[in-house]
Amino acid sequence: MKASLVVPTYNSKELLAPCLISLNHQRLGPSDTFEVVLVDDGSTDGTGDMVDRLPLTYPVRRLHLPRTEESCRSAARNAGIQAADGELIVFADGDQIIDPLFLQEHIRCHRDRPGIVAIGFRDYLAPGAVDLERLRSSLDPEALPDFAAPDERAEVTDLLSENLGNLATAWHFLYGCNVSVRKEDLLAVGAFDVNIKKWSFEDVELGYRLHRRGLTFVHTPFARVHHQFHPESPRERYSDWRENFAYFTSVHPELDVRLQWILDAYFDPAREDGPSWFEAYLRFEFACRARAGRLPLGEPYEVLVVDDGGLPGAGERIAEAGARTDLIVVDLTDDRDLPLTVQTLSTGRELLYFKRPGEGVLKRAAKTFGCPELARLAGEE
């Protein structure tokens, strides 16, 4: 399979250089290839000259778009999609440093699985310079600034499980910094909406249309990127968020879309007592579940533990058990396909999935879902 990695950039050459150098270390299977489609959205900071000087070991297709009033992330990404040769389109931002297995894992999600949206997370790096010389040799953690924080979405999957199919709002997890979709599916829904020109929602709105088209959203924990620190203005971001939310709800007036307003309490910088993103997101998720009639009043969960000895046939056992009862799957293996198998199942019941969970995750899940067996697995009586 050929993957086209679309990377938009604008006047950020200091952040872009580590991103492109990190891609020298991608490791793909023998039958897979990739290209990078770098979309320069009218940069004036010497981005093109900088890219010319980088010792890159992979094919780069560079597009330089003239800067106009219509310039935006959506238009830049759409230009990259149109220029891409790959059947699989992978998106990353130019301020990310990309792990060596990133593209391999995105390709693996889509191989023999049509109709997939594969979502990876990012972690946040502290302020500091990247050691480019060391990064040229390998993606050595010592070349990067210190780890600052995990992806905010990880707190949701730690609590509610890593099965995105069990979320009512998985479409809101589509962030343009780490996601992949087949090109045919992107073109079928019209790609990104170029009417969303400012920060926020251009990727989530695409996620909603892909959701309406019937695509399955999966989380791949093995496709990782690292977000380089750069200053941001909370007030400017909030103004953009409000403007784009108004547009989003005007073209999609459905209740689930309008319920995203719950997140406003987090983004509003004037609210000193506002909730965390995690708290606001849980309110949004459970409001959408309630609208769909999913209330926490069902049967007790059955727990199915998969270890290395039980891996053969695990998918069939999970599908069978999940069809008859609400199910919690605890996966203790290193297998990278079982998470995808679980997330592409449609059982009609609650299906929770935890991959090699730590003791804290199990204890929290035991309390959240009223499941004594999870507490026993965590070492509690």
Foldseek 3Di string as FASTA:
>chain_A
DEEEEEEEDAQPLQLLLLQQLLQQQADADPVYAYEYEYQYQAHDNCNVVSVVPDPGDHHYHYHYHHHDPLGAPQVRVVVSLVPDPDQKYKFAYSNKRWHRHQVRLQVVLPVVNAQEKEFEWEFEADADHFQVVVSNVHVDVVRGHHTDGTGPCVVVCLAQFQQLLLFLQSLQRFDRRTIMHGSVLCVVQPHFDSVLGDDDDRRSLSSVSSVVVPGFYHYQHVTYIYGYDDDDDLVVNLVSVVVVLVVSCVVVVDPLSVLCVLQNQQSPPVNPPGDHSNVSVVVSRVVSCVVVVNDLPDDAEDEAEAEPVRPVVPLVVLLVVLLVGAYEYEYQYPDRCVSSSQNPHDRVHHYHYDYNDALVSLVSNCVVRVNVVSPVVSVHD
